[in-house]
């Protein structure tokens, strides 16, 4: 399963990408996280649905210093091919 999430709120400049990467790797997920120009953060994660749902819970909680207001979520049954979970700059 592939998760596409746009995390909205105070999520840039508060180690949100590093937090997301750490959580995703601990869950065994693959994918990417990156800042978007509008101030949000985009997360693409591939893995088992249970692990994806765990990641979503953590994204809602956020990193220390972040304030998540909303998360736009789309799930797809097709898995994209990633080797690891990386921060994209």
PDB file of N, CA and C in Angstrom:
ATOM      1  N   UNK A   1       0.843  -1.174   0.000  1.00  0.00           N
ATOM      2  CA  UNK A   1       0.000   0.000   0.000  1.00  0.00           C
ATOM      3  C   UNK A   1       0.893   1.243   0.000  1.00  0.00           C
ATOM      4  N   UNK A   2       0.447   2.255  -0.713  1.00  0.00           N
ATOM      5  CA  UNK A   2       1.169   3.528  -0.757  1.00  0.00           C
ATOM      6  C   UNK A   2       0.316   4.621  -0.137  1.00  0.00           C
ATOM      7  N   UNK A   3       0.925   5.384   0.757  1.00  0.00           N
ATOM      8  CA  UNK A   3       0.288   6.527   1.389  1.00  0.00           C
ATOM      9  C   UNK A   3       0.841   7.793   0.760  1.00  0.00           C
ATOM     10  N   UNK A   4      -0.052   8.690   0.399  1.00  0.00           N
ATOM     11  CA  UNK A   4       0.316  10.039  -0.009  1.00  0.00           C
ATOM     12  C   UNK A   4      -0.302  10.963   1.029  1.00  0.00           C
ATOM     13  N   UNK A   5       0.519  11.715   1.752  1.00  0.00           N
ATOM     14  CA  UNK A   5      -0.006  12.599   2.785  1.00  0.00           C
ATOM     15  C   UNK A   5       0.608  13.985   2.656  1.00  0.00           C
ATOM     16  N   UNK A   6      -0.228  14.986   2.823  1.00  0.00           N
ATOM     17  CA  UNK A   6       0.221  16.373   2.871  1.00  0.00           C
ATOM     18  C   UNK A   6      -0.088  16.865   4.280  1.00  0.00           C
ATOM     19  N   UNK A   7       0.968  17.147   5.034  1.00  0.00           N
ATOM     20  CA  UNK A   7       0.818  17.544   6.424  1.00  0.00           C
ATOM     21  C   UNK A   7       0.850  19.070   6.490  1.00  0.00           C
ATOM     22  N   UNK A   8      -0.209  19.630   7.062  1.00  0.00           N
ATOM     23  CA  UNK A   8      -0.399  21.074   7.081  1.00  0.00           C
ATOM     24  C   UNK A   8      -0.301  21.588   8.516  1.00  0.00           C
ATOM     25  N   UNK A   9       0.387  22.704   8.685  1.00  0.00           N
ATOM     26  CA  UNK A   9       0.539  23.326   9.996  1.00  0.00           C
ATOM     27  C   UNK A   9       1.942  23.874  10.145  1.00  0.00           C
ATOM     28  N   UNK A  10       2.386  23.965  11.379  1.00  0.00           N
ATOM     29  CA  UNK A  10       3.774  24.394  11.635  1.00  0.00           C
ATOM     30  C   UNK A  10       4.628  23.129  11.575  1.00  0.00           C
ATOM     31  N   UNK A  11       5.081  22.807  10.366  1.00  0.00           N
ATOM     32  CA  UNK A  11       5.792  21.542  10.148  1.00  0.00           C
ATOM     33  C   UNK A  11       7.133  21.722   9.425  1.00  0.00           C
ATOM     34  N   UNK A  12       7.516  22.949   9.183  1.00  0.00           N
ATOM     35  CA  UNK A  12       8.834  23.200   8.602  1.00  0.00           C
ATOM     36  C   UNK A  12       9.687  23.949   9.617  1.00  0.00           C
ATOM     37  N   UNK A  13      10.966  23.571   9.678  1.00  0.00           N
ATOM     38  CA  UNK A  13      11.870  24.205  10.617  1.00  0.00           C
ATOM     39  C   UNK A  13      11.751  23.674  12.036  1.00  0.00           C
ATOM     40  N   UNK A  14      11.065  22.546  12.204  1.00  0.00           N
ATOM     41  CA  UNK A  14      10.869  21.948  13.539  1.00  0.00           C
ATOM     42  C   UNK A  14      11.247  20.463  13.529  1.00  0.00           C
ATOM     43  N   UNK A  15      12.161  20.080  12.654  1.00  0.00           N
ATOM     44  CA  UNK A  15      12.666  18.703  12.536  1.00  0.00           C
ATOM     45  C   UNK A  15      11.575  17.688  12.189  1.00  0.00           C
ATOM     46  N   UNK A  16      10.523  18.151  11.520  1.00  0.00           N
ATOM     47  CA  UNK A  16       9.418  17.255  11.176  1.00  0.00           C
ATOM     48  C   UNK A  16       9.847  16.192  10.173  1.00  0.00           C
ATOM     49  N   UNK A  17      10.674  16.568   9.199  1.00  0.00           N
ATOM     50  CA  UNK A  17      11.118  15.576   8.207  1.00  0.00           C
ATOM     51  C   UNK A  17      11.979  14.507   8.851  1.00  0.00           C
ATOM     52  N   UNK A  18      12.912  14.892   9.717  1.00  0.00           N
ATOM     53  CA  UNK A  18      13.761  13.910  10.397  1.00  0.00           C
ATOM     54  C   UNK A  18      12.934  13.014  11.306  1.00  0.00           C
ATOM     55  N   UNK A  19      11.955  13.601  11.992  1.00  0.00           N
ATOM     56  CA  UNK A  19      11.028  12.835  12.833  1.00  0.00           C
ATOM     57  C   UNK A  19      10.280  11.801  11.995  1.00  0.00           C
ATOM     58  N   UNK A  20       9.761  12.244  10.852  1.00  0.00           N
ATOM     59  CA  UNK A  20       9.012  11.352   9.969  1.00  0.00           C
ATOM     60  C   UNK A  20       9.895  10.221   9.457  1.00  0.00           C
ATOM     61  N   UNK A  21      11.112  10.559   9.054  1.00  0.00           N
ATOM     62  CA  UNK A  21      12.037   9.548   8.561  1.00  0.00           C
ATOM     63  C   UNK A  21      12.319   8.498   9.642  1.00  0.00           C
ATOM     64  N   UNK A  22      12.578   8.939  10.856  1.00  0.00           N
ATOM     65  CA  UNK A  22      12.886   8.019  11.948  1.00  0.00           C
ATOM     66  C   UNK A  22      11.704   7.081  12.227  1.00  0.00           C
ATOM     67  N   UNK A  23      10.518   7.635  12.320  1.00  0.00           N
ATOM     68  CA  UNK A  23       9.323   6.824  12.585  1.00  0.00           C
ATOM     69  C   UNK A  23       9.097   5.825  11.452  1.00  0.00           C
ATOM     70  N   UNK A  24       9.186   6.310  10.211  1.00  0.00           N
ATOM     71  CA  UNK A  24       8.943   5.436   9.054  1.00  0.00           C
ATOM     72  C   UNK A  24       9.952   4.294   8.999  1.00  0.00           C
ATOM     73  N   UNK A  25      11.218   4.613   9.224  1.00  0.00           N
ATOM     74  CA  UNK A  25      12.243   3.563   9.202  1.00  0.00           C
ATOM     75  C   UNK A  25      12.017   2.553  10.325  1.00  0.00           C
ATOM     76  N   UNK A  26      11.645   3.027  11.510  1.00  0.00           N
ATOM     77  CA  UNK A  26      11.365   2.116  12.623  1.00  0.00           C
ATOM     78  C   UNK A  26      10.199   1.183  12.317  1.00  0.00           C
ATOM     79  N   UNK A  27       9.262   1.663  11.501  1.00  0.00           N
ATOM     80  CA  UNK A  27       8.113   0.845  11.101  1.00  0.00           C
ATOM     81  C   UNK A  27       8.413  -0.035   9.889  1.00  0.00           C
ATOM     82  N   UNK A  28       9.593   0.115   9.310  1.00  0.00           N
ATOM     83  CA  UNK A  28       9.962  -0.679   8.143  1.00  0.00           C
ATOM     84  C   UNK A  28       9.353  -0.185   6.839  1.00  0.00           C
ATOM     85  N   UNK A  29       8.973   1.094   6.817  1.00  0.00           N
ATOM     86  CA  UNK A  29       8.374   1.669   5.615  1.00  0.00           C
ATOM     87  C   UNK A  29       9.449   2.246   4.707  1.00  0.00           C
ATOM     88  N   UNK A  30       9.122   2.357   3.446  1.00  0.00           N
ATOM     89  CA  UNK A  30      10.002   2.963   2.445  1.00  0.00           C
ATOM     90  C   UNK A  30       9.283   4.181   1.874  1.00  0.00           C
ATOM     91  N   UNK A  31      10.049   5.147   1.351  1.00  0.00           N
ATOM     92  CA  UNK A  31       9.408   6.305   0.742  1.00  0.00           C
ATOM     93  C   UNK A  31      10.221   7.566   0.878  1.00  0.00           C
ATOM     94  N   UNK A  32       9.515   8.708   0.887  1.00  0.00           N
ATOM     95  CA  UNK A  32      10.178  10.010   0.954  1.00  0.00           C
ATOM     96  C   UNK A  32       9.359  10.985   1.789  1.00  0.00           C
ATOM     97  N   UNK A  33      10.055  12.010   2.271  1.00  0.00           N
ATOM     98  CA  UNK A  33       9.410  13.137   2.938  1.00  0.00           C
ATOM     99  C   UNK A  33      10.109  14.392   2.441  1.00  0.00           C
ATOM    100  N   UNK A  34       9.326  15.443   2.152  1.00  0.00           N
ATOM    101  CA  UNK A  34       9.940  16.689   1.672  1.00  0.00           C
ATOM    102  C   UNK A  34       9.070  17.882   2.013  1.00  0.00           C
ATOM    103  N   UNK A  35       9.729  19.029   2.144  1.00  0.00           N
ATOM    104  CA  UNK A  35       9.025  20.290   2.333  1.00  0.00           C
ATOM    105  C   UNK A  35       8.423  20.728   1.009  1.00  0.00           C
ATOM    106  N   UNK A  36       7.239  21.316   1.083  1.00  0.00           N
ATOM    107  CA  UNK A  36       6.618  21.908  -0.103  1.00  0.00           C
ATOM    108  C   UNK A  36       6.665  23.426   0.020  1.00  0.00           C
ATOM    109  N   UNK A  37       6.583  24.097  -1.090  1.00  0.00           N
ATOM    110  CA  UNK A  37       6.715  25.560  -1.118  1.00  0.00           C
ATOM    111  C   UNK A  37       5.617  26.272  -0.333  1.00  0.00           C
ATOM    112  N   UNK A  38       4.472  25.619  -0.178  1.00  0.00           N
ATOM    113  CA  UNK A  38       3.358  26.256   0.539  1.00  0.00           C
ATOM    114  C   UNK A  38       3.482  26.139   2.063  1.00  0.00           C
ATOM    115  N   UNK A  39       4.599  25.566   2.560  1.00  0.00           N
ATOM    116  CA  UNK A  39       4.817  25.448   3.991  1.00  0.00           C
ATOM    117  C   UNK A  39       4.394  24.113   4.579  1.00  0.00           C
ATOM    118  N   UNK A  40       3.802  23.256   3.761  1.00  0.00           N
ATOM    119  CA  UNK A  40       3.397  21.931   4.222  1.00  0.00           C
ATOM    120  C   UNK A  40       4.521  20.928   3.966  1.00  0.00           C
ATOM    121  N   UNK A  41       4.296  19.690   4.388  1.00  0.00           N
ATOM    122  CA  UNK A  41       5.261  18.613   4.178  1.00  0.00           C
ATOM    123  C   UNK A  41       4.543  17.464   3.466  1.00  0.00           C
ATOM    124  N   UNK A  42       5.187  16.941   2.432  1.00  0.00           N
ATOM    125  CA  UNK A  42       4.645  15.806   1.676  1.00  0.00           C
ATOM    126  C   UNK A  42       5.325  14.520   2.138  1.00  0.00           C
ATOM    127  N   UNK A  43       4.510  13.508   2.433  1.00  0.00           N
ATOM    128  CA  UNK A  43       5.013  12.201   2.827  1.00  0.00           C
ATOM    129  C   UNK A  43       4.467  11.169   1.850  1.00  0.00           C
ATOM    130  N   UNK A  44       5.375  10.377   1.275  1.00  0.00           N
ATOM    131  CA  UNK A  44       4.981   9.223   0.467  1.00  0.00           C
ATOM    132  C   UNK A  44       5.596   8.013   1.155  1.00  0.00           C
ATOM    133  N   UNK A  45       4.749   7.076   1.575  1.00  0.00           N
ATOM    134  CA  UNK A  45       5.237   5.912   2.310  1.00  0.00           C
ATOM    135  C   UNK A  45       4.620   4.641   1.745  1.00  0.00           C
ATOM    136  N   UNK A  46       5.451   3.589   1.661  1.00  0.00           N
ATOM    137  CA  UNK A  46       5.016   2.313   1.118  1.00  0.00           C
ATOM    138  C   UNK A  46       5.247   1.228   2.162  1.00  0.00           C
ATOM    139  N   UNK A  47       4.216   0.395   2.363  1.00  0.00           N
ATOM    140  CA  UNK A  47       4.339  -0.714   3.310  1.00  0.00           C
ATOM    141  C   UNK A  47       2.996  -1.319   3.628  1.00  0.00           C
ATOM    142  N   UNK A  48       2.970  -2.128   4.668  1.00  0.00           N
ATOM    143  CA  UNK A  48       1.732  -2.781   5.098  1.00  0.00           C
ATOM    144  C   UNK A  48       0.763  -1.740   5.649  1.00  0.00           C
ATOM    145  N   UNK A  49      -0.521  -1.970   5.429  1.00  0.00           N
ATOM    146  CA  UNK A  49      -1.543  -0.999   5.849  1.00  0.00           C
ATOM    147  C   UNK A  49      -1.468  -0.703   7.349  1.00  0.00           C
ATOM    148  N   UNK A  50      -1.233  -1.707   8.153  1.00  0.00           N
ATOM    149  CA  UNK A  50      -1.135  -1.512   9.605  1.00  0.00           C
ATOM    150  C   UNK A  50      -0.005  -0.540   9.948  1.00  0.00           C
ATOM    151  N   UNK A  51       1.123  -0.678   9.269  1.00  0.00           N
ATOM    152  CA  UNK A  51       2.276   0.202   9.515  1.00  0.00           C
ATOM    153  C   UNK A  51       2.012   1.614   8.998  1.00  0.00           C
ATOM    154  N   UNK A  52       1.323   1.699   7.861  1.00  0.00           N
ATOM    155  CA  UNK A  52       0.939   3.002   7.306  1.00  0.00           C
ATOM    156  C   UNK A  52       0.041   3.737   8.301  1.00  0.00           C
ATOM    157  N   UNK A  53      -0.906   3.027   8.889  1.00  0.00           N
ATOM    158  CA  UNK A  53      -1.813   3.641   9.859  1.00  0.00           C
ATOM    159  C   UNK A  53      -1.067   4.095  11.109  1.00  0.00           C
ATOM    160  N   UNK A  54      -0.051   3.332  11.520  1.00  0.00           N
ATOM    161  CA  UNK A  54       0.789   3.747  12.650  1.00  0.00           C
ATOM    162  C   UNK A  54       1.535   5.038  12.320  1.00  0.00           C
ATOM    163  N   UNK A  55       2.066   5.105  11.108  1.00  0.00           N
ATOM    164  CA  UNK A  55       2.760   6.322  10.681  1.00  0.00           C
ATOM    165  C   UNK A  55       1.807   7.511  10.711  1.00  0.00           C
ATOM    166  N   UNK A  56       0.603   7.328  10.225  1.00  0.00           N
ATOM    167  CA  UNK A  56      -0.378   8.420  10.223  1.00  0.00           C
ATOM    168  C   UNK A  56      -0.646   8.927  11.640  1.00  0.00           C
ATOM    169  N   UNK A  57      -0.762   8.020  12.601  1.00  0.00           N
ATOM    170  CA  UNK A  57      -0.973   8.424  13.998  1.00  0.00           C
ATOM    171  C   UNK A  57       0.182   9.291  14.480  1.00  0.00           C
ATOM    172  N   UNK A  58       1.402   8.879  14.130  1.00  0.00           N
ATOM    173  CA  UNK A  58       2.579   9.642  14.548  1.00  0.00           C
ATOM    174  C   UNK A  58       2.662  10.991  13.835  1.00  0.00           C
ATOM    175  N   UNK A  59       2.266  11.021  12.563  1.00  0.00           N
ATOM    176  CA  UNK A  59       2.265  12.293  11.831  1.00  0.00           C
ATOM    177  C   UNK A  59       1.294  13.274  12.476  1.00  0.00           C
ATOM    178  N   UNK A  60       0.146  12.779  12.924  1.00  0.00           N
ATOM    179  CA  UNK A  60      -0.833  13.650  13.584  1.00  0.00           C
ATOM    180  C   UNK A  60      -0.270  14.203  14.886  1.00  0.00           C
ATOM    181  N   UNK A  61       0.499  13.394  15.602  1.00  0.00           N
ATOM    182  CA  UNK A  61       1.124  13.822  16.857  1.00  0.00           C
ATOM    183  C   UNK A  61       2.214  14.849  16.559  1.00  0.00           C
ATOM    184  N   UNK A  62       3.028  14.570  15.536  1.00  0.00           N
ATOM    185  CA  UNK A  62       4.071  15.499  15.102  1.00  0.00           C
ATOM    186  C   UNK A  62       5.332  15.462  15.936  1.00  0.00           C
ATOM    187  N   UNK A  63       6.322  16.164  15.458  1.00  0.00           N
ATOM    188  CA  UNK A  63       7.604  16.280  16.163  1.00  0.00           C
ATOM    189  C   UNK A  63       7.472  17.326  17.264  1.00  0.00           C
ATOM    190  N   UNK A  64       8.377  17.286  18.254  1.00  0.00           N
ATOM    191  CA  UNK A  64       8.377  18.363  19.261  1.00  0.00           C
ATOM    192  C   UNK A  64       8.553  19.709  18.549  1.00  0.00           C
ATOM    193  N   UNK A  65       7.737  20.657  18.903  1.00  0.00           N
ATOM    194  CA  UNK A  65       7.815  21.972  18.274  1.00  0.00           C
ATOM    195  C   UNK A  65       6.904  22.149  17.076  1.00  0.00           C
ATOM    196  N   UNK A  66       6.394  21.049  16.535  1.00  0.00           N
ATOM    197  CA  UNK A  66       5.482  21.167  15.391  1.00  0.00           C
ATOM    198  C   UNK A  66       4.049  21.312  15.888  1.00  0.00           C
ATOM    199  N   UNK A  67       3.184  21.767  14.999  1.00  0.00           N
ATOM    200  CA  UNK A  67       1.760  21.855  15.301  1.00  0.00           C
ATOM    201  C   UNK A  67       1.012  21.446  14.041  1.00  0.00           C
ATOM    202  N   UNK A  68       0.547  20.205  14.021  1.00  0.00           N
ATOM    203  CA  UNK A  68      -0.163  19.674  12.859  1.00  0.00           C
ATOM    204  C   UNK A  68      -1.613  20.121  12.931  1.00  0.00           C
ATOM    205  N   UNK A  69      -2.063  20.804  11.882  1.00  0.00           N
ATOM    206  CA  UNK A  69      -3.441  21.285  11.816  1.00  0.00           C
ATOM    207  C   UNK A  69      -4.318  20.298  11.052  1.00  0.00           C
ATOM    208  N   UNK A  70      -3.774  19.744   9.961  1.00  0.00           N
ATOM    209  CA  UNK A  70      -4.562  18.831   9.125  1.00  0.00           C
ATOM    210  C   UNK A  70      -3.613  17.947   8.324  1.00  0.00           C
ATOM    211  N   UNK A  71      -4.126  16.804   7.909  1.00  0.00           N
ATOM    212  CA  UNK A  71      -3.378  15.928   7.012  1.00  0.00           C
ATOM    213  C   UNK A  71      -4.325  15.496   5.895  1.00  0.00           C
ATOM    214  N   UNK A  72      -3.951  15.833   4.671  1.00  0.00           N
ATOM    215  CA  UNK A  72      -4.695  15.361   3.503  1.00  0.00           C
ATOM    216  C   UNK A  72      -4.129  13.994   3.138  1.00  0.00           C
ATOM    217  N   UNK A  73      -4.982  12.974   3.095  1.00  0.00           N
ATOM    218  CA  UNK A  73      -4.529  11.594   2.925  1.00  0.00           C
ATOM    219  C   UNK A  73      -5.143  10.962   1.695  1.00  0.00           C
ATOM    220  N   UNK A  74      -4.294  10.254   0.958  1.00  0.00           N
ATOM    221  CA  UNK A  74      -4.746   9.411  -0.145  1.00  0.00           C
ATOM    222  C   UNK A  74      -3.980   8.098  -0.029  1.00  0.00           C
ATOM    223  N   UNK A  75      -4.686   6.989  -0.141  1.00  0.00           N
ATOM    224  CA  UNK A  75      -4.037   5.674  -0.105  1.00  0.00           C
ATOM    225  C   UNK A  75      -4.267   4.989  -1.442  1.00  0.00           C
ATOM    226  N   UNK A  76      -3.281   4.225  -1.866  1.00  0.00           N
ATOM    227  CA  UNK A  76      -3.333   3.519  -3.142  1.00  0.00           C
ATOM    228  C   UNK A  76      -2.818   2.104  -2.913  1.00  0.00           C
ATOM    229  N   UNK A  77      -3.459   1.131  -3.536  1.00  0.00           N
ATOM    230  CA  UNK A  77      -3.032  -0.256  -3.368  1.00  0.00           C
ATOM    231  C   UNK A  77      -1.767  -0.584  -4.144  1.00  0.00           C
ATOM    232  N   UNK A  78      -1.420   0.231  -5.119  1.00  0.00           N
ATOM    233  CA  UNK A  78      -0.197   0.002  -5.894  1.00  0.00           C
ATOM    234  C   UNK A  78       1.009   0.498  -5.109  1.00  0.00           C
ATOM    235  N   UNK A  79       2.017  -0.351  -5.002  1.00  0.00           N
ATOM    236  CA  UNK A  79       3.235   0.016  -4.286  1.00  0.00           C
ATOM    237  C   UNK A  79       4.254   0.642  -5.225  1.00  0.00           C
ATOM    238  N   UNK A  80       4.764   1.795  -4.824  1.00  0.00           N
ATOM    239  CA  UNK A  80       5.867   2.403  -5.554  1.00  0.00           C
ATOM    240  C   UNK A  80       7.157   1.719  -5.114  1.00  0.00           C
ATOM    241  N   UNK A  81       8.196   1.829  -5.903  1.00  0.00           N
ATOM    242  CA  UNK A  81       9.451   1.130  -5.620  1.00  0.00           C
ATOM    243  C   UNK A  81      10.479   2.072  -4.999  1.00  0.00           C
ATOM    244  N   UNK A  82      10.628   1.988  -3.684  1.00  0.00           N
ATOM    245  CA  UNK A  82      11.641   2.746  -2.954  1.00  0.00           C
ATOM    246  C   UNK A  82      12.571   1.761  -2.268  1.00  0.00           C
ATOM    247  N   UNK A  83      13.822   2.142  -2.102  1.00  0.00           N
ATOM    248  CA  UNK A  83      14.804   1.287  -1.439  1.00  0.00           C
ATOM    249  C   UNK A  83      14.903   1.568   0.065  1.00  0.00           C
ATOM    250  N   UNK A  84      14.517   2.778   0.476  1.00  0.00           N
ATOM    251  CA  UNK A  84      14.701   3.227   1.841  1.00  0.00           C
ATOM    252  C   UNK A  84      13.675   4.336   2.106  1.00  0.00           C
ATOM    253  N   UNK A  85      13.721   4.945   3.267  1.00  0.00           N
ATOM    254  CA  UNK A  85      12.897   6.125   3.530  1.00  0.00           C
ATOM    255  C   UNK A  85      13.840   7.311   3.638  1.00  0.00           C
ATOM    256  N   UNK A  86      13.702   8.254   2.701  1.00  0.00           N
ATOM    257  CA  UNK A  86      14.668   9.354   2.599  1.00  0.00           C
ATOM    258  C   UNK A  86      14.013  10.716   2.694  1.00  0.00           C
ATOM    259  N   UNK A  87      14.797  11.652   3.186  1.00  0.00           N
ATOM    260  CA  UNK A  87      14.415  13.059   3.148  1.00  0.00           C
ATOM    261  C   UNK A  87      14.852  13.599   1.791  1.00  0.00           C
ATOM    262  N   UNK A  88      13.939  14.232   1.092  1.00  0.00           N
ATOM    263  CA  UNK A  88      14.229  14.832  -0.209  1.00  0.00           C
ATOM    264  C   UNK A  88      14.393  16.326  -0.004  1.00  0.00           C
ATOM    265  N   UNK A  89      15.475  16.873  -0.541  1.00  0.00           N
ATOM    266  CA  UNK A  89      15.752  18.311  -0.396  1.00  0.00           C
ATOM    267  C   UNK A  89      15.463  19.047  -1.668  1.00  0.00           C
TER     268      UNK A  89
END
